[in-house]
Amino acid sequence: MKTALILFSALSFLGYGLGCFFSSYFQQEFRRYQLSAQCKLVGILQCSASFGLVAGFREPRLGQAAAAGLALMMLVALGVRLRIRDSLLQMLPALGYLGLNAYLYFAGF
């Protein structure tokens, strides 16, 4: 089950990270967040962490570090969404991924 959760998180963040480069929707969202200058940086960090999660199958500490980084990123994302007054429904994905990656960090690889 944990393997499926790791792969789910890795694929999700790889998709989101790539979206920061290739999707006008994601770029528009970063403008809405008032963080358009950070869009590509976030994309790089999310793609890197995605690979780190997968690398955790061989090097567990690397996977845990990637999960911790993603959990921290989602905590910041929740702060941004609170700042721009998003609804709870709009915050649910960030909250879910925060919980998932915090679990992966604390449960270990």
PDB file of N, CA and C in Angstrom:
ATOM      1  N   MET A   1       0.814  -1.194   0.000  1.00  0.00           N
ATOM      2  CA  MET A   1       0.000   0.000   0.000  1.00  0.00           C
ATOM      3  C   MET A   1       0.862   1.264   0.000  1.00  0.00           C
ATOM      4  N   LYS A   2       1.938   1.253   0.802  1.00  0.00           N
ATOM      5  CA  LYS A   2       2.803   2.428   0.854  1.00  0.00           C
ATOM      6  C   LYS A   2       3.451   2.692  -0.500  1.00  0.00           C
ATOM      7  N   THR A   3       3.797   1.630  -1.212  1.00  0.00           N
ATOM      8  CA  THR A   3       4.376   1.787  -2.553  1.00  0.00           C
ATOM      9  C   THR A   3       3.406   2.519  -3.469  1.00  0.00           C
ATOM     10  N   ALA A   4       2.137   2.167  -3.400  1.00  0.00           N
ATOM     11  CA  ALA A   4       1.125   2.829  -4.227  1.00  0.00           C
ATOM     12  C   ALA A   4       1.003   4.304  -3.855  1.00  0.00           C
ATOM     13  N   LEU A   5       1.075   4.606  -2.574  1.00  0.00           N
ATOM     14  CA  LEU A   5       0.988   6.001  -2.134  1.00  0.00           C
ATOM     15  C   LEU A   5       2.197   6.803  -2.601  1.00  0.00           C
ATOM     16  N   ILE A   6       3.372   6.196  -2.539  1.00  0.00           N
ATOM     17  CA  ILE A   6       4.586   6.868  -3.006  1.00  0.00           C
ATOM     18  C   ILE A   6       4.474   7.160  -4.499  1.00  0.00           C
ATOM     19  N   LEU A   7       4.059   6.168  -5.265  1.00  0.00           N
ATOM     20  CA  LEU A   7       3.934   6.355  -6.713  1.00  0.00           C
ATOM     21  C   LEU A   7       2.848   7.375  -7.053  1.00  0.00           C
ATOM     22  N   PHE A   8       1.744   7.347  -6.320  1.00  0.00           N
ATOM     23  CA  PHE A   8       0.672   8.320  -6.541  1.00  0.00           C
ATOM     24  C   PHE A   8       1.191   9.734  -6.311  1.00  0.00           C
ATOM     25  N   SER A   9       1.883   9.943  -5.199  1.00  0.00           N
ATOM     26  CA  SER A   9       2.414  11.269  -4.900  1.00  0.00           C
ATOM     27  C   SER A   9       3.455  11.680  -5.940  1.00  0.00           C
ATOM     28  N   ALA A  10       4.344  10.760  -6.284  1.00  0.00           N
ATOM     29  CA  ALA A  10       5.398  11.071  -7.261  1.00  0.00           C
ATOM     30  C   ALA A  10       4.801  11.461  -8.612  1.00  0.00           C
ATOM     31  N   LEU A  11       3.842  10.704  -9.083  1.00  0.00           N
ATOM     32  CA  LEU A  11       3.230  11.010 -10.383  1.00  0.00           C
ATOM     33  C   LEU A  11       2.424  12.304 -10.323  1.00  0.00           C
ATOM     34  N   SER A  12       1.748  12.531  -9.222  1.00  0.00           N
ATOM     35  CA  SER A  12       0.979  13.770  -9.070  1.00  0.00           C
ATOM     36  C   SER A  12       1.885  14.990  -9.133  1.00  0.00           C
ATOM     37  N   PHE A  13       2.977  14.944  -8.387  1.00  0.00           N
ATOM     38  CA  PHE A  13       3.862  16.100  -8.353  1.00  0.00           C
ATOM     39  C   PHE A  13       4.677  16.241  -9.635  1.00  0.00           C
ATOM     40  N   LEU A  14       4.963  15.142 -10.289  1.00  0.00           N
ATOM     41  CA  LEU A  14       5.613  15.247 -11.592  1.00  0.00           C
ATOM     42  C   LEU A  14       4.672  15.953 -12.570  1.00  0.00           C
ATOM     43  N   GLY A  15       3.414  15.565 -12.575  1.00  0.00           N
ATOM     44  CA  GLY A  15       2.436  16.212 -13.449  1.00  0.00           C
ATOM     45  C   GLY A  15       2.253  17.679 -13.129  1.00  0.00           C
ATOM     46  N   TYR A  16       2.153  17.992 -11.862  1.00  0.00           N
ATOM     47  CA  TYR A  16       1.976  19.385 -11.468  1.00  0.00           C
ATOM     48  C   TYR A  16       3.230  20.186 -11.798  1.00  0.00           C
ATOM     49  N   GLY A  17       4.392  19.608 -11.518  1.00  0.00           N
ATOM     50  CA  GLY A  17       5.644  20.308 -11.804  1.00  0.00           C
ATOM     51  C   GLY A  17       5.798  20.607 -13.288  1.00  0.00           C
ATOM     52  N   LEU A  18       5.475  19.622 -14.128  1.00  0.00           N
ATOM     53  CA  LEU A  18       5.551  19.844 -15.573  1.00  0.00           C
ATOM     54  C   LEU A  18       4.497  20.864 -16.013  1.00  0.00           C
ATOM     55  N   GLY A  19       3.354  20.856 -15.347  1.00  0.00           N
ATOM     56  CA  GLY A  19       2.317  21.828 -15.656  1.00  0.00           C
ATOM     57  C   GLY A  19       2.781  23.265 -15.449  1.00  0.00           C
ATOM     58  N   CYS A  20       3.691  23.465 -14.508  1.00  0.00           N
ATOM     59  CA  CYS A  20       4.221  24.802 -14.267  1.00  0.00           C
ATOM     60  C   CYS A  20       4.978  25.341 -15.481  1.00  0.00           C
ATOM     61  N   PHE A  21       5.455  24.449 -16.326  1.00  0.00           N
ATOM     62  CA  PHE A  21       6.196  24.861 -17.519  1.00  0.00           C
ATOM     63  C   PHE A  21       5.326  24.897 -18.771  1.00  0.00           C
ATOM     64  N   PHE A  22       4.354  24.009 -18.857  1.00  0.00           N
ATOM     65  CA  PHE A  22       3.655  23.803 -20.120  1.00  0.00           C
ATOM     66  C   PHE A  22       2.166  24.135 -20.108  1.00  0.00           C
ATOM     67  N   SER A  23       1.600  24.451 -18.973  1.00  0.00           N
ATOM     68  CA  SER A  23       0.162  24.676 -18.889  1.00  0.00           C
ATOM     69  C   SER A  23      -0.146  26.145 -18.598  1.00  0.00           C
ATOM     70  N   SER A  24      -0.918  26.760 -19.457  1.00  0.00           N
ATOM     71  CA  SER A  24      -1.313  28.151 -19.209  1.00  0.00           C
ATOM     72  C   SER A  24      -2.225  28.240 -17.985  1.00  0.00           C
ATOM     73  N   TYR A  25      -2.986  27.172 -17.715  1.00  0.00           N
ATOM     74  CA  TYR A  25      -3.838  27.158 -16.529  1.00  0.00           C
ATOM     75  C   TYR A  25      -2.999  27.287 -15.257  1.00  0.00           C
ATOM     76  N   PHE A  26      -1.934  26.493 -15.155  1.00  0.00           N
ATOM     77  CA  PHE A  26      -1.086  26.552 -13.960  1.00  0.00           C
ATOM     78  C   PHE A  26      -0.425  27.918 -13.849  1.00  0.00           C
ATOM     79  N   GLN A  27       0.029  28.462 -14.950  1.00  0.00           N
ATOM     80  CA  GLN A  27       0.667  29.781 -14.917  1.00  0.00           C
ATOM     81  C   GLN A  27      -0.335  30.856 -14.493  1.00  0.00           C
ATOM     82  N   GLN A  28      -1.583  30.718 -14.933  1.00  0.00           N
ATOM     83  CA  GLN A  28      -2.637  31.647 -14.529  1.00  0.00           C
ATOM     84  C   GLN A  28      -2.915  31.514 -13.029  1.00  0.00           C
ATOM     85  N   GLU A  29      -2.911  30.289 -12.525  1.00  0.00           N
ATOM     86  CA  GLU A  29      -3.114  30.080 -11.094  1.00  0.00           C
ATOM     87  C   GLU A  29      -2.014  30.755 -10.282  1.00  0.00           C
ATOM     88  N   PHE A  30      -0.777  30.667 -10.723  1.00  0.00           N
ATOM     89  CA  PHE A  30       0.312  31.315  -9.989  1.00  0.00           C
ATOM     90  C   PHE A  30       0.161  32.833 -10.013  1.00  0.00           C
ATOM     91  N   ARG A  31      -0.389  33.386 -11.088  1.00  0.00           N
ATOM     92  CA  ARG A  31      -0.692  34.822 -11.094  1.00  0.00           C
ATOM     93  C   ARG A  31      -1.768  35.122 -10.051  1.00  0.00           C
ATOM     94  N   ARG A  32      -2.775  34.254  -9.961  1.00  0.00           N
ATOM     95  CA  ARG A  32      -3.828  34.429  -8.959  1.00  0.00           C
ATOM     96  C   ARG A  32      -3.260  34.364  -7.541  1.00  0.00           C
ATOM     97  N   TYR A  33      -2.268  33.507  -7.350  1.00  0.00           N
ATOM     98  CA  TYR A  33      -1.616  33.394  -6.037  1.00  0.00           C
ATOM     99  C   TYR A  33      -0.681  34.572  -5.759  1.00  0.00           C
ATOM    100  N   GLN A  34      -0.464  35.400  -6.787  1.00  0.00           N
ATOM    101  CA  GLN A  34       0.500  36.513  -6.729  1.00  0.00           C
ATOM    102  C   GLN A  34       1.921  35.982  -6.575  1.00  0.00           C
ATOM    103  N   LEU A  35       2.188  34.856  -7.257  1.00  0.00           N
ATOM    104  CA  LEU A  35       3.502  34.210  -7.206  1.00  0.00           C
ATOM    105  C   LEU A  35       3.990  33.805  -8.604  1.00  0.00           C
ATOM    106  N   SER A  36       3.632  34.571  -9.612  1.00  0.00           N
ATOM    107  CA  SER A  36       3.974  34.160 -10.974  1.00  0.00           C
ATOM    108  C   SER A  36       5.481  34.021 -11.179  1.00  0.00           C
ATOM    109  N   ALA A  37       6.283  34.802 -10.476  1.00  0.00           N
ATOM    110  CA  ALA A  37       7.735  34.720 -10.633  1.00  0.00           C
ATOM    111  C   ALA A  37       8.290  33.398 -10.088  1.00  0.00           C
ATOM    112  N   GLN A  38       7.543  32.733  -9.215  1.00  0.00           N
ATOM    113  CA  GLN A  38       8.006  31.480  -8.614  1.00  0.00           C
ATOM    114  C   GLN A  38       7.476  30.238  -9.322  1.00  0.00           C
ATOM    115  N   CYS A  39       6.691  30.387 -10.359  1.00  0.00           N
ATOM    116  CA  CYS A  39       6.054  29.241 -11.008  1.00  0.00           C
ATOM    117  C   CYS A  39       7.073  28.202 -11.476  1.00  0.00           C
ATOM    118  N   LYS A  40       8.085  28.627 -12.190  1.00  0.00           N
ATOM    119  CA  LYS A  40       9.071  27.674 -12.715  1.00  0.00           C
ATOM    120  C   LYS A  40       9.913  27.059 -11.592  1.00  0.00           C
ATOM    121  N   LEU A  41      10.241  27.843 -10.579  1.00  0.00           N
ATOM    122  CA  LEU A  41      10.979  27.300  -9.433  1.00  0.00           C
ATOM    123  C   LEU A  41      10.171  26.212  -8.747  1.00  0.00           C
ATOM    124  N   VAL A  42       8.891  26.462  -8.533  1.00  0.00           N
ATOM    125  CA  VAL A  42       8.026  25.455  -7.924  1.00  0.00           C
ATOM    126  C   VAL A  42       7.973  24.205  -8.797  1.00  0.00           C
ATOM    127  N   GLY A  43       7.901  24.403 -10.116  1.00  0.00           N
ATOM    128  CA  GLY A  43       7.901  23.266 -11.040  1.00  0.00           C
ATOM    129  C   GLY A  43       9.158  22.429 -10.917  1.00  0.00           C
ATOM    130  N   ILE A  44      10.295  23.089 -10.845  1.00  0.00           N
ATOM    131  CA  ILE A  44      11.576  22.380 -10.696  1.00  0.00           C
ATOM    132  C   ILE A  44      11.610  21.614  -9.373  1.00  0.00           C
ATOM    133  N   LEU A  45      11.190  22.275  -8.299  1.00  0.00           N
ATOM    134  CA  LEU A  45      11.204  21.625  -6.984  1.00  0.00           C
ATOM    135  C   LEU A  45      10.268  20.429  -6.938  1.00  0.00           C
ATOM    136  N   GLN A  46       9.097  20.564  -7.552  1.00  0.00           N
ATOM    137  CA  GLN A  46       8.148  19.460  -7.515  1.00  0.00           C
ATOM    138  C   GLN A  46       8.614  18.288  -8.375  1.00  0.00           C
ATOM    139  N   CYS A  47       9.173  18.566  -9.550  1.00  0.00           N
ATOM    140  CA  CYS A  47       9.712  17.473 -10.374  1.00  0.00           C
ATOM    141  C   CYS A  47      10.869  16.786  -9.657  1.00  0.00           C
ATOM    142  N   SER A  48      11.744  17.581  -9.048  1.00  0.00           N
ATOM    143  CA  SER A  48      12.884  17.009  -8.323  1.00  0.00           C
ATOM    144  C   SER A  48      12.424  16.146  -7.160  1.00  0.00           C
ATOM    145  N   ALA A  49      11.464  16.636  -6.404  1.00  0.00           N
ATOM    146  CA  ALA A  49      10.951  15.859  -5.273  1.00  0.00           C
ATOM    147  C   ALA A  49      10.253  14.594  -5.744  1.00  0.00           C
ATOM    148  N   SER A  50       9.596  14.672  -6.892  1.00  0.00           N
ATOM    149  CA  SER A  50       8.953  13.484  -7.461  1.00  0.00           C
ATOM    150  C   SER A  50       9.991  12.398  -7.726  1.00  0.00           C
ATOM    151  N   PHE A  51      11.107  12.789  -8.333  1.00  0.00           N
ATOM    152  CA  PHE A  51      12.182  11.823  -8.571  1.00  0.00           C
ATOM    153  C   PHE A  51      12.794  11.353  -7.258  1.00  0.00           C
ATOM    154  N   GLY A  52      12.850  12.247  -6.268  1.00  0.00           N
ATOM    155  CA  GLY A  52      13.362  11.868  -4.954  1.00  0.00           C
ATOM    156  C   GLY A  52      12.492  10.820  -4.275  1.00  0.00           C
ATOM    157  N   LEU A  53      11.188  10.936  -4.440  1.00  0.00           N
ATOM    158  CA  LEU A  53      10.294   9.919  -3.872  1.00  0.00           C
ATOM    159  C   LEU A  53      10.577   8.550  -4.479  1.00  0.00           C
ATOM    160  N   VAL A  54      10.732   8.518  -5.800  1.00  0.00           N
ATOM    161  CA  VAL A  54      11.009   7.240  -6.473  1.00  0.00           C
ATOM    162  C   VAL A  54      12.394   6.726  -6.079  1.00  0.00           C
ATOM    163  N   ALA A  55      13.353   7.625  -5.969  1.00  0.00           N
ATOM    164  CA  ALA A  55      14.701   7.225  -5.553  1.00  0.00           C
ATOM    165  C   ALA A  55      14.695   6.657  -4.135  1.00  0.00           C
ATOM    166  N   GLY A  56      13.676   7.004  -3.359  1.00  0.00           N
ATOM    167  CA  GLY A  56      13.556   6.496  -2.001  1.00  0.00           C
ATOM    168  C   GLY A  56      13.409   4.988  -1.920  1.00  0.00           C
ATOM    169  N   PHE A  57      13.027   4.363  -3.026  1.00  0.00           N
ATOM    170  CA  PHE A  57      12.971   2.898  -3.020  1.00  0.00           C
ATOM    171  C   PHE A  57      14.369   2.307  -2.858  1.00  0.00           C
ATOM    172  N   ARG A  58      15.373   3.015  -3.361  1.00  0.00           N
ATOM    173  CA  ARG A  58      16.773   2.557  -3.228  1.00  0.00           C
ATOM    174  C   ARG A  58      17.478   3.201  -2.041  1.00  0.00           C
ATOM    175  N   GLU A  59      17.198   4.485  -1.834  1.00  0.00           N
ATOM    176  CA  GLU A  59      17.822   5.258  -0.757  1.00  0.00           C
ATOM    177  C   GLU A  59      16.710   5.861   0.105  1.00  0.00           C
ATOM    178  N   PRO A  60      16.284   5.132   1.124  1.00  0.00           N
ATOM    179  CA  PRO A  60      15.128   5.571   1.915  1.00  0.00           C
ATOM    180  C   PRO A  60      15.237   6.991   2.469  1.00  0.00           C
ATOM    181  N   ARG A  61      16.408   7.413   2.861  1.00  0.00           N
ATOM    182  CA  ARG A  61      16.547   8.772   3.410  1.00  0.00           C
ATOM    183  C   ARG A  61      16.254   9.839   2.361  1.00  0.00           C
ATOM    184  N   LEU A  62      16.603   9.564   1.135  1.00  0.00           N
ATOM    185  CA  LEU A  62      16.298  10.496   0.052  1.00  0.00           C
ATOM    186  C   LEU A  62      14.786  10.598  -0.157  1.00  0.00           C
ATOM    187  N   GLY A  63      14.111   9.468  -0.109  1.00  0.00           N
ATOM    188  CA  GLY A  63      12.654   9.473  -0.222  1.00  0.00           C
ATOM    189  C   GLY A  63      11.994  10.229   0.913  1.00  0.00           C
ATOM    190  N   GLN A  64      12.495  10.023   2.113  1.00  0.00           N
ATOM    191  CA  GLN A  64      11.939  10.736   3.267  1.00  0.00           C
ATOM    192  C   GLN A  64      12.189  12.237   3.159  1.00  0.00           C
ATOM    193  N   ALA A  65      13.368  12.615   2.689  1.00  0.00           N
ATOM    194  CA  ALA A  65      13.668  14.041   2.515  1.00  0.00           C
ATOM    195  C   ALA A  65      12.735  14.649   1.473  1.00  0.00           C
ATOM    196  N   ALA A  66      12.497  13.933   0.388  1.00  0.00           N
ATOM    197  CA  ALA A  66      11.591  14.426  -0.653  1.00  0.00           C
ATOM    198  C   ALA A  66      10.171  14.557  -0.108  1.00  0.00           C
ATOM    199  N   ALA A  67       9.722  13.581   0.652  1.00  0.00           N
ATOM    200  CA  ALA A  67       8.379  13.636   1.242  1.00  0.00           C
ATOM    201  C   ALA A  67       8.270  14.814   2.212  1.00  0.00           C
ATOM    202  N   ALA A  68       9.305  15.034   3.008  1.00  0.00           N
ATOM    203  CA  ALA A  68       9.300  16.171   3.937  1.00  0.00           C
ATOM    204  C   ALA A  68       9.245  17.488   3.171  1.00  0.00           C
ATOM    205  N   GLY A  69      10.021  17.589   2.101  1.00  0.00           N
ATOM    206  CA  GLY A  69      10.009  18.807   1.291  1.00  0.00           C
ATOM    207  C   GLY A  69       8.646  19.067   0.668  1.00  0.00           C
ATOM    208  N   LEU A  70       8.017  18.026   0.178  1.00  0.00           N
ATOM    209  CA  LEU A  70       6.686  18.186  -0.416  1.00  0.00           C
ATOM    210  C   LEU A  70       5.646  18.548   0.641  1.00  0.00           C
ATOM    211  N   ALA A  71       5.752  17.948   1.821  1.00  0.00           N
ATOM    212  CA  ALA A  71       4.827  18.294   2.903  1.00  0.00           C
ATOM    213  C   ALA A  71       4.997  19.769   3.279  1.00  0.00           C
ATOM    214  N   LEU A  72       6.235  20.222   3.377  1.00  0.00           N
ATOM    215  CA  LEU A  72       6.500  21.623   3.689  1.00  0.00           C
ATOM    216  C   LEU A  72       5.952  22.527   2.580  1.00  0.00           C
ATOM    217  N   MET A  73       6.142  22.123   1.335  1.00  0.00           N
ATOM    218  CA  MET A  73       5.629  22.909   0.216  1.00  0.00           C
ATOM    219  C   MET A  73       4.100  23.021   0.296  1.00  0.00           C
ATOM    220  N   MET A  74       3.439  21.947   0.661  1.00  0.00           N
ATOM    221  CA  MET A  74       1.978  21.981   0.765  1.00  0.00           C
ATOM    222  C   MET A  74       1.519  22.812   1.964  1.00  0.00           C
ATOM    223  N   LEU A  75       2.315  22.847   3.018  1.00  0.00           N
ATOM    224  CA  LEU A  75       2.001  23.713   4.150  1.00  0.00           C
ATOM    225  C   LEU A  75       2.070  25.178   3.717  1.00  0.00           C
ATOM    226  N   VAL A  76       3.087  25.520   2.966  1.00  0.00           N
ATOM    227  CA  VAL A  76       3.206  26.883   2.432  1.00  0.00           C
ATOM    228  C   VAL A  76       2.045  27.173   1.477  1.00  0.00           C
ATOM    229  N   ALA A  77       1.689  26.176   0.641  1.00  0.00           N
ATOM    230  CA  ALA A  77       0.569  26.348  -0.288  1.00  0.00           C
ATOM    231  C   ALA A  77      -0.724  26.656   0.460  1.00  0.00           C
ATOM    232  N   LEU A  78      -0.930  25.991   1.590  1.00  0.00           N
ATOM    233  CA  LEU A  78      -2.123  26.283   2.395  1.00  0.00           C
ATOM    234  C   LEU A  78      -2.086  27.718   2.913  1.00  0.00           C
ATOM    235  N   GLY A  79      -0.918  28.168   3.325  1.00  0.00           N
ATOM    236  CA  GLY A  79      -0.774  29.556   3.774  1.00  0.00           C
ATOM    237  C   GLY A  79      -1.101  30.549   2.668  1.00  0.00           C
ATOM    238  N   VAL A  80      -0.629  30.253   1.464  1.00  0.00           N
ATOM    239  CA  VAL A  80      -0.925  31.120   0.316  1.00  0.00           C
ATOM    240  C   VAL A  80      -2.421  31.140   0.054  1.00  0.00           C
ATOM    241  N   ARG A  81      -3.036  29.974   0.094  1.00  0.00           N
ATOM    242  CA  ARG A  81      -4.477  29.904  -0.184  1.00  0.00           C
ATOM    243  C   ARG A  81      -5.289  30.609   0.907  1.00  0.00           C
ATOM    244  N   LEU A  82      -4.833  30.556   2.136  1.00  0.00           N
ATOM    245  CA  LEU A  82      -5.495  31.322   3.199  1.00  0.00           C
ATOM    246  C   LEU A  82      -5.348  32.819   2.943  1.00  0.00           C
ATOM    247  N   ARG A  83      -4.155  33.218   2.535  1.00  0.00           N
ATOM    248  CA  ARG A  83      -3.878  34.636   2.278  1.00  0.00           C
ATOM    249  C   ARG A  83      -4.771  35.202   1.179  1.00  0.00           C
ATOM    250  N   ILE A  84      -5.019  34.421   0.134  1.00  0.00           N
ATOM    251  CA  ILE A  84      -5.856  34.919  -0.962  1.00  0.00           C
ATOM    252  C   ILE A  84      -7.333  34.565  -0.763  1.00  0.00           C
ATOM    253  N   ARG A  85      -7.644  34.003   0.407  1.00  0.00           N
ATOM    254  CA  ARG A  85      -9.015  33.715   0.825  1.00  0.00           C
ATOM    255  C   ARG A  85      -9.714  32.679  -0.070  1.00  0.00           C
ATOM    256  N   ASP A  86      -8.988  31.624  -0.422  1.00  0.00           N
ATOM    257  CA  ASP A  86      -9.612  30.511  -1.131  1.00  0.00           C
ATOM    258  C   ASP A  86     -10.571  29.785  -0.199  1.00  0.00           C
ATOM    259  N   SER A  87     -11.507  29.093  -0.778  1.00  0.00           N
ATOM    260  CA  SER A  87     -12.461  28.315   0.018  1.00  0.00           C
ATOM    261  C   SER A  87     -11.804  27.034   0.526  1.00  0.00           C
ATOM    262  N   LEU A  88     -12.443  26.406   1.492  1.00  0.00           N
ATOM    263  CA  LEU A  88     -11.950  25.135   2.012  1.00  0.00           C
ATOM    264  C   LEU A  88     -11.875  24.096   0.888  1.00  0.00           C
ATOM    265  N   LEU A  89     -12.857  24.096   0.017  1.00  0.00           N
ATOM    266  CA  LEU A  89     -12.863  23.164  -1.108  1.00  0.00           C
ATOM    267  C   LEU A  89     -11.627  23.358  -1.994  1.00  0.00           C
ATOM    268  N   GLN A  90     -11.227  24.595  -2.215  1.00  0.00           N
ATOM    269  CA  GLN A  90     -10.042  24.872  -3.021  1.00  0.00           C
ATOM    270  C   GLN A  90      -8.756  24.467  -2.297  1.00  0.00           C
ATOM    271  N   MET A  91      -8.807  24.410  -0.980  1.00  0.00           N
ATOM    272  CA  MET A  91      -7.630  24.046  -0.190  1.00  0.00           C
ATOM    273  C   MET A  91      -7.476  22.544  -0.001  1.00  0.00           C
ATOM    274  N   LEU A  92      -8.514  21.785  -0.262  1.00  0.00           N
ATOM    275  CA  LEU A  92      -8.481  20.350   0.022  1.00  0.00           C
ATOM    276  C   LEU A  92      -7.340  19.595  -0.666  1.00  0.00           C
ATOM    277  N   PRO A  93      -7.029  19.845  -1.941  1.00  0.00           N
ATOM    278  CA  PRO A  93      -5.909  19.106  -2.538  1.00  0.00           C
ATOM    279  C   PRO A  93      -4.589  19.341  -1.791  1.00  0.00           C
ATOM    280  N   ALA A  94      -4.289  20.594  -1.465  1.00  0.00           N
ATOM    281  CA  ALA A  94      -3.047  20.885  -0.738  1.00  0.00           C
ATOM    282  C   ALA A  94      -3.066  20.218   0.637  1.00  0.00           C
ATOM    283  N   LEU A  95      -4.207  20.237   1.290  1.00  0.00           N
ATOM    284  CA  LEU A  95      -4.333  19.592   2.598  1.00  0.00           C
ATOM    285  C   LEU A  95      -4.129  18.082   2.481  1.00  0.00           C
ATOM    286  N   GLY A  96      -4.723  17.488   1.456  1.00  0.00           N
ATOM    287  CA  GLY A  96      -4.564  16.049   1.243  1.00  0.00           C
ATOM    288  C   GLY A  96      -3.130  15.653   0.954  1.00  0.00           C
ATOM    289  N   TYR A  97      -2.470  16.416   0.089  1.00  0.00           N
ATOM    290  CA  TYR A  97      -1.070  16.097  -0.228  1.00  0.00           C
ATOM    291  C   TYR A  97      -0.146  16.403   0.953  1.00  0.00           C
ATOM    292  N   LEU A  98      -0.493  17.377   1.771  1.00  0.00           N
ATOM    293  CA  LEU A  98       0.263  17.614   3.004  1.00  0.00           C
ATOM    294  C   LEU A  98       0.183  16.374   3.890  1.00  0.00           C
ATOM    295  N   GLY A  99      -1.028  15.871   4.087  1.00  0.00           N
ATOM    296  CA  GLY A  99      -1.209  14.678   4.917  1.00  0.00           C
ATOM    297  C   GLY A  99      -0.502  13.463   4.348  1.00  0.00           C
ATOM    298  N   LEU A 100      -0.626  13.262   3.042  1.00  0.00           N
ATOM    299  CA  LEU A 100       0.001  12.114   2.394  1.00  0.00           C
ATOM    300  C   LEU A 100       1.513  12.142   2.551  1.00  0.00           C
ATOM    301  N   ASN A 101       2.125  13.278   2.249  1.00  0.00           N
ATOM    302  CA  ASN A 101       3.585  13.344   2.299  1.00  0.00           C
ATOM    303  C   ASN A 101       4.111  13.396   3.723  1.00  0.00           C
ATOM    304  N   ALA A 102       3.339  13.952   4.650  1.00  0.00           N
ATOM    305  CA  ALA A 102       3.735  13.885   6.064  1.00  0.00           C
ATOM    306  C   ALA A 102       3.709  12.427   6.519  1.00  0.00           C
ATOM    307  N   TYR A 103       2.684  11.689   6.107  1.00  0.00           N
ATOM    308  CA  TYR A 103       2.624  10.251   6.433  1.00  0.00           C
ATOM    309  C   TYR A 103       3.846   9.527   5.866  1.00  0.00           C
ATOM    310  N   LEU A 104       4.170   9.779   4.598  1.00  0.00           N
ATOM    311  CA  LEU A 104       5.314   9.096   3.989  1.00  0.00           C
ATOM    312  C   LEU A 104       6.610   9.435   4.712  1.00  0.00           C
ATOM    313  N   TYR A 105       6.731  10.672   5.144  1.00  0.00           N
ATOM    314  CA  TYR A 105       7.936  11.062   5.885  1.00  0.00           C
ATOM    315  C   TYR A 105       8.011  10.311   7.214  1.00  0.00           C
ATOM    316  N   PHE A 106       6.949  10.362   7.996  1.00  0.00           N
ATOM    317  CA  PHE A 106       6.988   9.761   9.324  1.00  0.00           C
ATOM    318  C   PHE A 106       6.961   8.232   9.301  1.00  0.00           C
ATOM    319  N   ALA A 107       6.315   7.661   8.310  1.00  0.00           N
ATOM    320  CA  ALA A 107       6.246   6.193   8.219  1.00  0.00           C
ATOM    321  C   ALA A 107       7.540   5.605   7.687  1.00  0.00           C
ATOM    322  N   GLY A 108       8.308   6.404   6.981  1.00  0.00           N
ATOM    323  CA  GLY A 108       9.573   5.922   6.424  1.00  0.00           C
ATOM    324  C   GLY A 108       9.355   5.151   5.144  1.00  0.00           C
ATOM    325  N   PHE A 109      10.442   4.875   4.474  1.00  0.00           N
ATOM    326  CA  PHE A 109      10.407   4.184   3.182  1.00  0.00           C
ATOM    327  C   PHE A 109      10.872   2.749   3.346  1.00  0.00           C
TER     328      PHE A 109
END
